[in-house]
Amino acid sequence: MVNVSDGEDINRARENIKGNIKTSAKDSLGLHELKHHKPWFDEFLGFFFLDQRKQAKMQWVQYPSHSNVNNLNSVRLEASRHFRTKRRNI
């Protein structure tokens, strides 16, 4: 049978080992910094173009016609131009 004090000692030892592993990993590897991707992405217009492109694609998938294909291609081209100019201006 295990005594309560033995269980507490085991938990304390586990926490010490866990803390030592975290400390040594932080010292040797350093902290991981999150990358900020796509600083050129404009919240309002970016989501507008993405939503417009998504709607055009859904319309084309539901009703595949030549006019919907042309609409999808024009929306894709417009969105690509917008994002390309945003990336170049940064």
C-alpha atoms as a PDB file:
ATOM      1  CA  MET A   1       0.000   0.000   0.000  1.00  0.00           C
ATOM      2  CA  VAL A   2       1.177   3.508  -0.835  1.00  0.00           C
ATOM      3  CA  ASN A   3       1.113   6.213   1.804  1.00  0.00           C
ATOM      4  CA  VAL A   4      -0.189   9.663   1.009  1.00  0.00           C
ATOM      5  CA  SER A   5       3.203  11.170   1.773  1.00  0.00           C
ATOM      6  CA  ASP A   6       4.810   8.808  -0.764  1.00  0.00           C
ATOM      7  CA  GLY A   7       2.319   9.982  -3.390  1.00  0.00           C
ATOM      8  CA  GLU A   8       3.051  13.594  -2.596  1.00  0.00           C
ATOM      9  CA  ASP A   9       6.786  12.935  -2.830  1.00  0.00           C
ATOM     10  CA  ILE A  10       6.333  11.297  -6.221  1.00  0.00           C
ATOM     11  CA  ASN A  11       4.255  14.234  -7.496  1.00  0.00           C
ATOM     12  CA  ARG A  12       6.788  16.728  -6.135  1.00  0.00           C
ATOM     13  CA  ALA A  13       9.651  14.823  -7.778  1.00  0.00           C
ATOM     14  CA  ARG A  14       7.721  14.701 -11.056  1.00  0.00           C
ATOM     15  CA  GLU A  15       7.094  18.453 -10.954  1.00  0.00           C
ATOM     16  CA  ASN A  16      10.791  19.104 -10.228  1.00  0.00           C
ATOM     17  CA  ILE A  17      11.865  16.937 -13.158  1.00  0.00           C
ATOM     18  CA  LYS A  18       9.302  18.606 -15.415  1.00  0.00           C
ATOM     19  CA  GLY A  19      10.525  22.061 -14.379  1.00  0.00           C
ATOM     20  CA  ASN A  20      14.175  21.090 -14.918  1.00  0.00           C
ATOM     21  CA  ILE A  21      13.414  19.771 -18.410  1.00  0.00           C
ATOM     22  CA  LYS A  22      11.539  22.958 -19.359  1.00  0.00           C
ATOM     23  CA  THR A  23      14.297  25.189 -17.996  1.00  0.00           C
ATOM     24  CA  SER A  24      17.096  23.328 -19.747  1.00  0.00           C
ATOM     25  CA  ALA A  25      15.140  23.240 -23.034  1.00  0.00           C
ATOM     26  CA  LYS A  26      14.486  26.978 -22.823  1.00  0.00           C
ATOM     27  CA  ASP A  27      18.156  27.671 -22.078  1.00  0.00           C
ATOM     28  CA  SER A  28      19.500  25.505 -24.886  1.00  0.00           C
ATOM     29  CA  LEU A  29      16.861  26.105 -27.576  1.00  0.00           C
ATOM     30  CA  GLY A  30      15.484  29.503 -26.668  1.00  0.00           C
ATOM     31  CA  LEU A  31      11.912  30.632 -26.949  1.00  0.00           C
ATOM     32  CA  HIS A  32       9.978  30.089 -30.156  1.00  0.00           C
ATOM     33  CA  GLU A  33       8.743  33.375 -31.551  1.00  0.00           C
ATOM     34  CA  LEU A  34       5.577  33.352 -33.595  1.00  0.00           C
ATOM     35  CA  LYS A  35       5.931  34.631 -37.120  1.00  0.00           C
ATOM     36  CA  HIS A  36       3.635  37.352 -38.348  1.00  0.00           C
ATOM     37  CA  HIS A  37       2.701  36.116 -41.773  1.00  0.00           C
ATOM     38  CA  LYS A  38       1.524  38.297 -44.601  1.00  0.00           C
ATOM     39  CA  PRO A  39       2.006  41.827 -43.275  1.00  0.00           C
ATOM     40  CA  TRP A  40       0.649  43.035 -46.617  1.00  0.00           C
ATOM     41  CA  PHE A  41      -2.767  41.457 -46.000  1.00  0.00           C
ATOM     42  CA  ASP A  42      -5.366  44.177 -45.620  1.00  0.00           C
ATOM     43  CA  GLU A  43      -8.088  43.006 -43.246  1.00  0.00           C
ATOM     44  CA  PHE A  44     -11.037  44.714 -44.923  1.00  0.00           C
ATOM     45  CA  LEU A  45     -10.156  44.490 -48.611  1.00  0.00           C
ATOM     46  CA  GLY A  46      -8.360  41.156 -48.252  1.00  0.00           C
ATOM     47  CA  PHE A  47     -11.398  39.419 -46.865  1.00  0.00           C
ATOM     48  CA  PHE A  48     -13.598  41.203 -49.400  1.00  0.00           C
ATOM     49  CA  PHE A  49     -11.564  39.816 -52.322  1.00  0.00           C
ATOM     50  CA  LEU A  50     -11.353  36.345 -50.779  1.00  0.00           C
ATOM     51  CA  ASP A  51     -15.101  36.269 -50.164  1.00  0.00           C
ATOM     52  CA  GLN A  52     -15.827  37.508 -53.674  1.00  0.00           C
ATOM     53  CA  ARG A  53     -13.554  34.827 -55.135  1.00  0.00           C
ATOM     54  CA  LYS A  54     -15.208  32.137 -53.018  1.00  0.00           C
ATOM     55  CA  GLN A  55     -18.693  33.198 -54.108  1.00  0.00           C
ATOM     56  CA  ALA A  56     -17.691  33.205 -57.781  1.00  0.00           C
ATOM     57  CA  LYS A  57     -16.255  29.707 -57.445  1.00  0.00           C
ATOM     58  CA  MET A  58     -19.360  28.399 -55.688  1.00  0.00           C
ATOM     59  CA  GLN A  59     -21.538  29.901 -58.405  1.00  0.00           C
ATOM     60  CA  TRP A  60     -19.405  28.214 -61.067  1.00  0.00           C
ATOM     61  CA  VAL A  61     -19.501  24.846 -59.233  1.00  0.00           C
ATOM     62  CA  GLN A  62     -23.293  24.988 -58.884  1.00  0.00           C
ATOM     63  CA  TYR A  63     -23.954  26.287 -62.397  1.00  0.00           C
ATOM     64  CA  PRO A  64     -21.036  25.462 -64.714  1.00  0.00           C
ATOM     65  CA  SER A  65     -21.429  27.755 -67.687  1.00  0.00           C
ATOM     66  CA  HIS A  66     -19.137  29.770 -69.892  1.00  0.00           C
ATOM     67  CA  SER A  67     -20.251  33.066 -68.326  1.00  0.00           C
ATOM     68  CA  ASN A  68     -19.602  31.755 -64.788  1.00  0.00           C
ATOM     69  CA  VAL A  69     -16.132  30.574 -65.825  1.00  0.00           C
ATOM     70  CA  ASN A  70     -15.393  34.031 -67.241  1.00  0.00           C
ATOM     71  CA  ASN A  71     -16.705  35.662 -64.073  1.00  0.00           C
ATOM     72  CA  LEU A  72     -14.554  33.384 -61.892  1.00  0.00           C
ATOM     73  CA  ASN A  73     -11.454  34.119 -63.952  1.00  0.00           C
ATOM     74  CA  SER A  74     -12.021  37.874 -63.810  1.00  0.00           C
ATOM     75  CA  VAL A  75     -12.575  37.798 -60.027  1.00  0.00           C
ATOM     76  CA  ARG A  76      -9.432  35.683 -59.564  1.00  0.00           C
ATOM     77  CA  LEU A  77      -7.433  38.087 -61.721  1.00  0.00           C
ATOM     78  CA  GLU A  78      -8.707  41.109 -59.808  1.00  0.00           C
ATOM     79  CA  ALA A  79      -7.900  39.501 -56.436  1.00  0.00           C
ATOM     80  CA  SER A  80      -4.431  38.448 -57.607  1.00  0.00           C
ATOM     81  CA  ARG A  81      -3.701  41.964 -58.843  1.00  0.00           C
ATOM     82  CA  HIS A  82      -4.801  43.460 -55.547  1.00  0.00           C
ATOM     83  CA  PHE A  83      -2.643  41.136 -53.443  1.00  0.00           C
ATOM     84  CA  ARG A  84       0.324  41.464 -55.801  1.00  0.00           C
ATOM     85  CA  THR A  85       0.287  45.262 -55.580  1.00  0.00           C
ATOM     86  CA  LYS A  86      -0.053  45.103 -51.796  1.00  0.00           C
ATOM     87  CA  ARG A  87       3.006  42.836 -51.557  1.00  0.00           C
ATOM     88  CA  ARG A  88       5.037  45.103 -53.846  1.00  0.00           C
ATOM     89  CA  ASN A  89       4.201  48.247 -51.882  1.00  0.00           C
ATOM     90  CA  ILE A  90       5.581  46.892 -48.620  1.00  0.00           C
END
